[in-house]
């Protein structure tokens, strides 16, 4: 996956960047993250692959809460302060 090795802040900036997210606005991004077949595949990836370790409904709730909060991105130092 292209996000492996990135910080939470880098992933957040990446998915919000129109140049990297097929020019999606926030509403379109939330729709993609919560309904797109390719994203949904992560919860049922097939034999020999690990599913996303969070129930889909919980993921949807978190994505929508993130949207409602204005889709903030953590800073790279946020993670370091939690460690």
PDB file of N, CA and C in Angstrom:
ATOM      1  N   UNK A   1       0.841  -1.177   0.000  1.00  0.00           N
ATOM      2  CA  UNK A   1       0.000   0.000   0.000  1.00  0.00           C
ATOM      3  C   UNK A   1       0.885   1.238   0.000  1.00  0.00           C
ATOM      4  N   UNK A   2       0.448   2.248  -0.676  1.00  0.00           N
ATOM      5  CA  UNK A   2       1.265   3.453  -0.832  1.00  0.00           C
ATOM      6  C   UNK A   2       1.430   4.238   0.461  1.00  0.00           C
ATOM      7  N   UNK A   3       0.624   3.946   1.472  1.00  0.00           N
ATOM      8  CA  UNK A   3       0.718   4.698   2.720  1.00  0.00           C
ATOM      9  C   UNK A   3       1.647   4.060   3.734  1.00  0.00           C
ATOM     10  N   UNK A   4       2.133   2.869   3.452  1.00  0.00           N
ATOM     11  CA  UNK A   4       3.020   2.213   4.410  1.00  0.00           C
ATOM     12  C   UNK A   4       4.254   3.073   4.629  1.00  0.00           C
ATOM     13  N   UNK A   5       4.607   3.217   5.888  1.00  0.00           N
ATOM     14  CA  UNK A   5       5.784   3.989   6.240  1.00  0.00           C
ATOM     15  C   UNK A   5       5.525   5.470   6.423  1.00  0.00           C
ATOM     16  N   UNK A   6       4.321   5.928   6.104  1.00  0.00           N
ATOM     17  CA  UNK A   6       3.998   7.340   6.284  1.00  0.00           C
ATOM     18  C   UNK A   6       3.454   7.577   7.688  1.00  0.00           C
ATOM     19  N   UNK A   7       3.657   8.771   8.185  1.00  0.00           N
ATOM     20  CA  UNK A   7       3.067   9.143   9.467  1.00  0.00           C
ATOM     21  C   UNK A   7       1.572   9.387   9.275  1.00  0.00           C
ATOM     22  N   UNK A   8       0.843   9.438  10.378  1.00  0.00           N
ATOM     23  CA  UNK A   8      -0.588   9.757  10.301  1.00  0.00           C
ATOM     24  C   UNK A   8      -0.797  11.105   9.611  1.00  0.00           C
ATOM     25  N   UNK A   9       0.049  12.064   9.937  1.00  0.00           N
ATOM     26  CA  UNK A   9      -0.065  13.397   9.341  1.00  0.00           C
ATOM     27  C   UNK A   9       0.159  13.343   7.833  1.00  0.00           C
ATOM     28  N   UNK A  10       1.128  12.567   7.399  1.00  0.00           N
ATOM     29  CA  UNK A  10       1.406  12.450   5.969  1.00  0.00           C
ATOM     30  C   UNK A  10       0.253  11.768   5.235  1.00  0.00           C
ATOM     31  N   UNK A  11      -0.320  10.737   5.833  1.00  0.00           N
ATOM     32  CA  UNK A  11      -1.468  10.063   5.214  1.00  0.00           C
ATOM     33  C   UNK A  11      -2.633  11.037   5.104  1.00  0.00           C
ATOM     34  N   UNK A  12      -2.896  11.758   6.161  1.00  0.00           N
ATOM     35  CA  UNK A  12      -3.999  12.717   6.164  1.00  0.00           C
ATOM     36  C   UNK A  12      -3.814  13.770   5.071  1.00  0.00           C
ATOM     37  N   UNK A  13      -2.639  14.349   5.011  1.00  0.00           N
ATOM     38  CA  UNK A  13      -2.385  15.364   3.982  1.00  0.00           C
ATOM     39  C   UNK A  13      -2.520  14.766   2.584  1.00  0.00           C
ATOM     40  N   UNK A  14      -2.079  13.548   2.431  1.00  0.00           N
ATOM     41  CA  UNK A  14      -2.138  12.885   1.129  1.00  0.00           C
ATOM     42  C   UNK A  14      -3.577  12.670   0.669  1.00  0.00           C
ATOM     43  N   UNK A  15      -4.419  12.142   1.562  1.00  0.00           N
ATOM     44  CA  UNK A  15      -5.791  11.860   1.126  1.00  0.00           C
ATOM     45  C   UNK A  15      -6.605  13.133   0.922  1.00  0.00           C
ATOM     46  N   UNK A  16      -6.198  14.227   1.548  1.00  0.00           N
ATOM     47  CA  UNK A  16      -6.909  15.492   1.363  1.00  0.00           C
ATOM     48  C   UNK A  16      -6.396  16.293   0.173  1.00  0.00           C
ATOM     49  N   UNK A  17      -5.261  15.927  -0.364  1.00  0.00           N
ATOM     50  CA  UNK A  17      -4.642  16.665  -1.464  1.00  0.00           C
ATOM     51  C   UNK A  17      -5.342  16.337  -2.785  1.00  0.00           C
ATOM     52  N   UNK A  18      -6.018  17.315  -3.393  1.00  0.00           N
ATOM     53  CA  UNK A  18      -6.728  17.052  -4.650  1.00  0.00           C
ATOM     54  C   UNK A  18      -5.835  16.465  -5.745  1.00  0.00           C
ATOM     55  N   UNK A  19      -4.565  16.792  -5.725  1.00  0.00           N
ATOM     56  CA  UNK A  19      -3.650  16.241  -6.732  1.00  0.00           C
ATOM     57  C   UNK A  19      -3.425  14.748  -6.523  1.00  0.00           C
ATOM     58  N   UNK A  20      -3.691  14.274  -5.318  1.00  0.00           N
ATOM     59  CA  UNK A  20      -3.469  12.868  -5.015  1.00  0.00           C
ATOM     60  C   UNK A  20      -4.766  12.088  -4.799  1.00  0.00           C
ATOM     61  N   UNK A  21      -5.907  12.772  -4.722  1.00  0.00           N
ATOM     62  CA  UNK A  21      -7.164  12.073  -4.426  1.00  0.00           C
ATOM     63  C   UNK A  21      -8.197  12.182  -5.550  1.00  0.00           C
ATOM     64  N   UNK A  22      -7.715  12.341  -6.760  1.00  0.00           N
ATOM     65  CA  UNK A  22      -8.589  12.459  -7.939  1.00  0.00           C
ATOM     66  C   UNK A  22      -9.486  13.690  -7.867  1.00  0.00           C
ATOM     67  N   UNK A  23      -8.945  14.754  -7.289  1.00  0.00           N
ATOM     68  CA  UNK A  23      -9.619  16.056  -7.215  1.00  0.00           C
ATOM     69  C   UNK A  23     -10.931  16.006  -6.430  1.00  0.00           C
ATOM     70  N   UNK A  24     -10.973  15.182  -5.400  1.00  0.00           N
ATOM     71  CA  UNK A  24     -12.192  15.062  -4.586  1.00  0.00           C
ATOM     72  C   UNK A  24     -12.246  16.168  -3.535  1.00  0.00           C
ATOM     73  N   UNK A  25     -13.458  16.720  -3.346  1.00  0.00           N
ATOM     74  CA  UNK A  25     -13.664  17.622  -2.222  1.00  0.00           C
ATOM     75  C   UNK A  25     -13.928  16.758  -0.981  1.00  0.00           C
ATOM     76  N   UNK A  26     -14.128  17.373   0.162  1.00  0.00           N
ATOM     77  CA  UNK A  26     -14.262  16.605   1.400  1.00  0.00           C
ATOM     78  C   UNK A  26     -15.472  15.674   1.377  1.00  0.00           C
ATOM     79  N   UNK A  27     -16.599  16.144   0.883  1.00  0.00           N
ATOM     80  CA  UNK A  27     -17.782  15.280   0.811  1.00  0.00           C
ATOM     81  C   UNK A  27     -17.529  14.075  -0.097  1.00  0.00           C
ATOM     82  N   UNK A  28     -16.899  14.318  -1.225  1.00  0.00           N
ATOM     83  CA  UNK A  28     -16.586  13.227  -2.152  1.00  0.00           C
ATOM     84  C   UNK A  28     -15.565  12.268  -1.546  1.00  0.00           C
ATOM     85  N   UNK A  29     -14.632  12.817  -0.805  1.00  0.00           N
ATOM     86  CA  UNK A  29     -13.626  11.982  -0.150  1.00  0.00           C
ATOM     87  C   UNK A  29     -14.277  11.074   0.890  1.00  0.00           C
ATOM     88  N   UNK A  30     -15.179  11.624   1.682  1.00  0.00           N
ATOM     89  CA  UNK A  30     -15.882  10.817   2.684  1.00  0.00           C
ATOM     90  C   UNK A  30     -16.712   9.733   2.001  1.00  0.00           C
ATOM     91  N   UNK A  31     -17.384  10.084   0.926  1.00  0.00           N
ATOM     92  CA  UNK A  31     -18.151   9.082   0.186  1.00  0.00           C
ATOM     93  C   UNK A  31     -17.223   7.973  -0.322  1.00  0.00           C
ATOM     94  N   UNK A  32     -16.094   8.361  -0.865  1.00  0.00           N
ATOM     95  CA  UNK A  32     -15.129   7.374  -1.355  1.00  0.00           C
ATOM     96  C   UNK A  32     -14.651   6.467  -0.222  1.00  0.00           C
ATOM     97  N   UNK A  33     -14.261   7.064   0.883  1.00  0.00           N
ATOM     98  CA  UNK A  33     -13.720   6.281   1.999  1.00  0.00           C
ATOM     99  C   UNK A  33     -14.747   5.348   2.626  1.00  0.00           C
ATOM    100  N   UNK A  34     -16.009   5.708   2.547  1.00  0.00           N
ATOM    101  CA  UNK A  34     -17.034   4.922   3.236  1.00  0.00           C
ATOM    102  C   UNK A  34     -17.851   4.013   2.329  1.00  0.00           C
ATOM    103  N   UNK A  35     -17.816   4.251   0.996  1.00  0.00           N
ATOM    104  CA  UNK A  35     -18.690   3.492   0.103  1.00  0.00           C
ATOM    105  C   UNK A  35     -18.010   2.870  -1.113  1.00  0.00           C
ATOM    106  N   UNK A  36     -16.840   3.329  -1.476  1.00  0.00           N
ATOM    107  CA  UNK A  36     -16.184   2.851  -2.692  1.00  0.00           C
ATOM    108  C   UNK A  36     -15.868   1.357  -2.604  1.00  0.00           C
ATOM    109  N   UNK A  37     -16.128   0.637  -3.680  1.00  0.00           N
ATOM    110  CA  UNK A  37     -15.911  -0.816  -3.692  1.00  0.00           C
ATOM    111  C   UNK A  37     -14.460  -1.185  -3.422  1.00  0.00           C
ATOM    112  N   UNK A  38     -13.535  -0.409  -3.942  1.00  0.00           N
ATOM    113  CA  UNK A  38     -12.125  -0.711  -3.713  1.00  0.00           C
ATOM    114  C   UNK A  38     -11.769  -0.548  -2.233  1.00  0.00           C
ATOM    115  N   UNK A  39     -12.273   0.485  -1.605  1.00  0.00           N
ATOM    116  CA  UNK A  39     -12.026   0.680  -0.173  1.00  0.00           C
ATOM    117  C   UNK A  39     -12.723  -0.421   0.625  1.00  0.00           C
ATOM    118  N   UNK A  40     -13.946  -0.738   0.257  1.00  0.00           N
ATOM    119  CA  UNK A  40     -14.712  -1.773   0.956  1.00  0.00           C
ATOM    120  C   UNK A  40     -14.022  -3.136   0.883  1.00  0.00           C
ATOM    121  N   UNK A  41     -13.254  -3.365  -0.160  1.00  0.00           N
ATOM    122  CA  UNK A  41     -12.526  -4.619  -0.322  1.00  0.00           C
ATOM    123  C   UNK A  41     -11.650  -4.900   0.896  1.00  0.00           C
ATOM    124  N   UNK A  42     -11.186  -3.855   1.552  1.00  0.00           N
ATOM    125  CA  UNK A  42     -10.323  -4.020   2.716  1.00  0.00           C
ATOM    126  C   UNK A  42     -10.958  -4.801   3.852  1.00  0.00           C
ATOM    127  N   UNK A  43     -12.274  -4.840   3.899  1.00  0.00           N
ATOM    128  CA  UNK A  43     -12.960  -5.583   4.954  1.00  0.00           C
ATOM    129  C   UNK A  43     -13.267  -7.018   4.529  1.00  0.00           C
ATOM    130  N   UNK A  44     -13.039  -7.325   3.284  1.00  0.00           N
ATOM    131  CA  UNK A  44     -13.257  -8.680   2.787  1.00  0.00           C
ATOM    132  C   UNK A  44     -12.249  -8.954   1.673  1.00  0.00           C
ATOM    133  N   UNK A  45     -10.953  -8.998   2.026  1.00  0.00           N
ATOM    134  CA  UNK A  45      -9.913  -9.049   0.999  1.00  0.00           C
ATOM    135  C   UNK A  45      -9.657 -10.423   0.382  1.00  0.00           C
ATOM    136  N   UNK A  46     -10.303 -11.427   0.880  1.00  0.00           N
ATOM    137  CA  UNK A  46     -10.100 -12.752   0.309  1.00  0.00           C
ATOM    138  C   UNK A  46      -9.113 -13.591   1.105  1.00  0.00           C
ATOM    139  N   UNK A  47      -9.073 -14.830   0.726  1.00  0.00           N
ATOM    140  CA  UNK A  47      -8.264 -15.815   1.438  1.00  0.00           C
ATOM    141  C   UNK A  47      -6.782 -15.429   1.452  1.00  0.00           C
ATOM    142  N   UNK A  48      -6.181 -15.599   2.622  1.00  0.00           N
ATOM    143  CA  UNK A  48      -4.758 -15.339   2.766  1.00  0.00           C
ATOM    144  C   UNK A  48      -4.399 -13.884   3.004  1.00  0.00           C
ATOM    145  N   UNK A  49      -5.389 -13.024   3.087  1.00  0.00           N
ATOM    146  CA  UNK A  49      -5.133 -11.599   3.325  1.00  0.00           C
ATOM    147  C   UNK A  49      -5.838 -11.181   4.605  1.00  0.00           C
ATOM    148  N   UNK A  50      -5.262 -10.221   5.278  1.00  0.00           N
ATOM    149  CA  UNK A  50      -5.846  -9.729   6.520  1.00  0.00           C
ATOM    150  C   UNK A  50      -6.813  -8.584   6.240  1.00  0.00           C
ATOM    151  N   UNK A  51      -7.977  -8.676   6.846  1.00  0.00           N
ATOM    152  CA  UNK A  51      -8.965  -7.602   6.721  1.00  0.00           C
ATOM    153  C   UNK A  51      -8.545  -6.418   7.586  1.00  0.00           C
ATOM    154  N   UNK A  52      -9.104  -5.275   7.296  1.00  0.00           N
ATOM    155  CA  UNK A  52      -8.870  -4.086   8.109  1.00  0.00           C
ATOM    156  C   UNK A  52      -9.308  -4.405   9.535  1.00  0.00           C
ATOM    157  N   UNK A  53      -8.463  -4.104  10.523  1.00  0.00           N
ATOM    158  CA  UNK A  53      -8.744  -4.522  11.902  1.00  0.00           C
ATOM    159  C   UNK A  53      -9.699  -3.595  12.662  1.00  0.00           C
ATOM    160  N   UNK A  54     -10.712  -3.113  11.982  1.00  0.00           N
ATOM    161  CA  UNK A  54     -11.724  -2.259  12.604  1.00  0.00           C
ATOM    162  C   UNK A  54     -13.029  -2.534  11.875  1.00  0.00           C
ATOM    163  N   UNK A  55     -14.118  -2.723  12.587  1.00  0.00           N
ATOM    164  CA  UNK A  55     -15.396  -2.927  11.893  1.00  0.00           C
ATOM    165  C   UNK A  55     -15.708  -1.743  10.967  1.00  0.00           C
ATOM    166  N   UNK A  56     -16.316  -2.044   9.830  1.00  0.00           N
ATOM    167  CA  UNK A  56     -16.606  -0.997   8.852  1.00  0.00           C
ATOM    168  C   UNK A  56     -17.477   0.105   9.443  1.00  0.00           C
ATOM    169  N   UNK A  57     -18.484  -0.250  10.220  1.00  0.00           N
ATOM    170  CA  UNK A  57     -19.364   0.782  10.779  1.00  0.00           C
ATOM    171  C   UNK A  57     -18.604   1.714  11.726  1.00  0.00           C
ATOM    172  N   UNK A  58     -17.636   1.188  12.437  1.00  0.00           N
ATOM    173  CA  UNK A  58     -16.806   2.033  13.307  1.00  0.00           C
ATOM    174  C   UNK A  58     -15.936   2.968  12.458  1.00  0.00           C
ATOM    175  N   UNK A  59     -15.385   2.440  11.380  1.00  0.00           N
ATOM    176  CA  UNK A  59     -14.579   3.250  10.466  1.00  0.00           C
ATOM    177  C   UNK A  59     -15.417   4.397   9.896  1.00  0.00           C
ATOM    178  N   UNK A  60     -16.626   4.081   9.445  1.00  0.00           N
ATOM    179  CA  UNK A  60     -17.512   5.101   8.887  1.00  0.00           C
ATOM    180  C   UNK A  60     -17.797   6.180   9.928  1.00  0.00           C
ATOM    181  N   UNK A  61     -18.077   5.773  11.151  1.00  0.00           N
ATOM    182  CA  UNK A  61     -18.341   6.747  12.221  1.00  0.00           C
ATOM    183  C   UNK A  61     -17.144   7.657  12.439  1.00  0.00           C
ATOM    184  N   UNK A  62     -15.960   7.079  12.440  1.00  0.00           N
ATOM    185  CA  UNK A  62     -14.748   7.873  12.654  1.00  0.00           C
ATOM    186  C   UNK A  62     -14.487   8.828  11.487  1.00  0.00           C
ATOM    187  N   UNK A  63     -14.714   8.363  10.276  1.00  0.00           N
ATOM    188  CA  UNK A  63     -14.516   9.226   9.107  1.00  0.00           C
ATOM    189  C   UNK A  63     -15.502  10.394   9.144  1.00  0.00           C
ATOM    190  N   UNK A  64     -16.743  10.111   9.484  1.00  0.00           N
ATOM    191  CA  UNK A  64     -17.754  11.177   9.529  1.00  0.00           C
ATOM    192  C   UNK A  64     -17.499  12.143  10.684  1.00  0.00           C
ATOM    193  N   UNK A  65     -16.998  11.650  11.798  1.00  0.00           N
ATOM    194  CA  UNK A  65     -16.636  12.530  12.915  1.00  0.00           C
ATOM    195  C   UNK A  65     -15.456  13.420  12.512  1.00  0.00           C
ATOM    196  N   UNK A  66     -14.508  12.849  11.797  1.00  0.00           N
ATOM    197  CA  UNK A  66     -13.359  13.611  11.291  1.00  0.00           C
ATOM    198  C   UNK A  66     -13.843  14.716  10.355  1.00  0.00           C
ATOM    199  N   UNK A  67     -14.781  14.372   9.478  1.00  0.00           N
ATOM    200  CA  UNK A  67     -15.349  15.362   8.561  1.00  0.00           C
ATOM    201  C   UNK A  67     -16.053  16.474   9.344  1.00  0.00           C
ATOM    202  N   UNK A  68     -16.870  16.100  10.318  1.00  0.00           N
ATOM    203  CA  UNK A  68     -17.621  17.080  11.108  1.00  0.00           C
ATOM    204  C   UNK A  68     -16.698  18.018  11.884  1.00  0.00           C
ATOM    205  N   UNK A  69     -15.523  17.529  12.226  1.00  0.00           N
ATOM    206  CA  UNK A  69     -14.547  18.345  12.956  1.00  0.00           C
ATOM    207  C   UNK A  69     -13.727  19.232  12.021  1.00  0.00           C
ATOM    208  N   UNK A  70     -14.035  19.176  10.729  1.00  0.00           N
ATOM    209  CA  UNK A  70     -13.305  19.989   9.770  1.00  0.00           C
ATOM    210  C   UNK A  70     -12.146  19.259   9.112  1.00  0.00           C
ATOM    211  N   UNK A  71     -12.100  17.950   9.271  1.00  0.00           N
ATOM    212  CA  UNK A  71     -11.066  17.094   8.664  1.00  0.00           C
ATOM    213  C   UNK A  71      -9.653  17.539   9.030  1.00  0.00           C
ATOM    214  N   UNK A  72      -9.408  17.715  10.325  1.00  0.00           N
ATOM    215  CA  UNK A  72      -8.064  18.157  10.716  1.00  0.00           C
ATOM    216  C   UNK A  72      -7.032  17.050  10.520  1.00  0.00           C
ATOM    217  N   UNK A  73      -5.837  17.463  10.222  1.00  0.00           N
ATOM    218  CA  UNK A  73      -4.721  16.521  10.135  1.00  0.00           C
ATOM    219  C   UNK A  73      -3.841  16.713  11.367  1.00  0.00           C
ATOM    220  N   UNK A  74      -3.377  15.606  11.923  1.00  0.00           N
ATOM    221  CA  UNK A  74      -2.432  15.746  13.036  1.00  0.00           C
ATOM    222  C   UNK A  74      -1.120  16.316  12.505  1.00  0.00           C
ATOM    223  N   UNK A  75      -0.328  16.822  13.394  1.00  0.00           N
ATOM    224  CA  UNK A  75       1.009  17.240  12.986  1.00  0.00           C
ATOM    225  C   UNK A  75       1.939  16.057  13.156  1.00  0.00           C
ATOM    226  N   UNK A  76       3.068  16.114  12.515  1.00  0.00           N
ATOM    227  CA  UNK A  76       4.033  15.027  12.663  1.00  0.00           C
ATOM    228  C   UNK A  76       4.528  14.921  14.100  1.00  0.00           C
ATOM    229  N   UNK A  77       4.462  16.010  14.848  1.00  0.00           N
ATOM    230  CA  UNK A  77       4.905  15.967  16.240  1.00  0.00           C
ATOM    231  C   UNK A  77       3.834  15.408  17.165  1.00  0.00           C
ATOM    232  N   UNK A  78       2.568  15.377  16.725  1.00  0.00           N
ATOM    233  CA  UNK A  78       1.497  14.799  17.548  1.00  0.00           C
ATOM    234  C   UNK A  78       1.795  13.348  17.884  1.00  0.00           C
ATOM    235  N   UNK A  79       2.221  12.601  16.914  1.00  0.00           N
ATOM    236  CA  UNK A  79       2.495  11.180  17.128  1.00  0.00           C
ATOM    237  C   UNK A  79       3.665  11.001  18.088  1.00  0.00           C
ATOM    238  N   UNK A  80       4.683  11.794  17.906  1.00  0.00           N
ATOM    239  CA  UNK A  80       5.856  11.681  18.770  1.00  0.00           C
ATOM    240  C   UNK A  80       5.488  11.972  20.223  1.00  0.00           C
ATOM    241  N   UNK A  81       4.562  12.892  20.431  1.00  0.00           N
ATOM    242  CA  UNK A  81       4.185  13.226  21.805  1.00  0.00           C
ATOM    243  C   UNK A  81       3.337  12.134  22.445  1.00  0.00           C
ATOM    244  N   UNK A  82       2.702  11.272  21.629  1.00  0.00           N
ATOM    245  CA  UNK A  82       1.891  10.179  22.168  1.00  0.00           C
ATOM    246  C   UNK A  82       2.731   8.954  22.487  1.00  0.00           C
ATOM    247  N   UNK A  83       3.929   8.875  21.933  1.00  0.00           N
ATOM    248  CA  UNK A  83       4.771   7.688  22.139  1.00  0.00           C
ATOM    249  C   UNK A  83       5.432   7.699  23.491  1.00  0.00           C
TER     250      UNK A  83
END
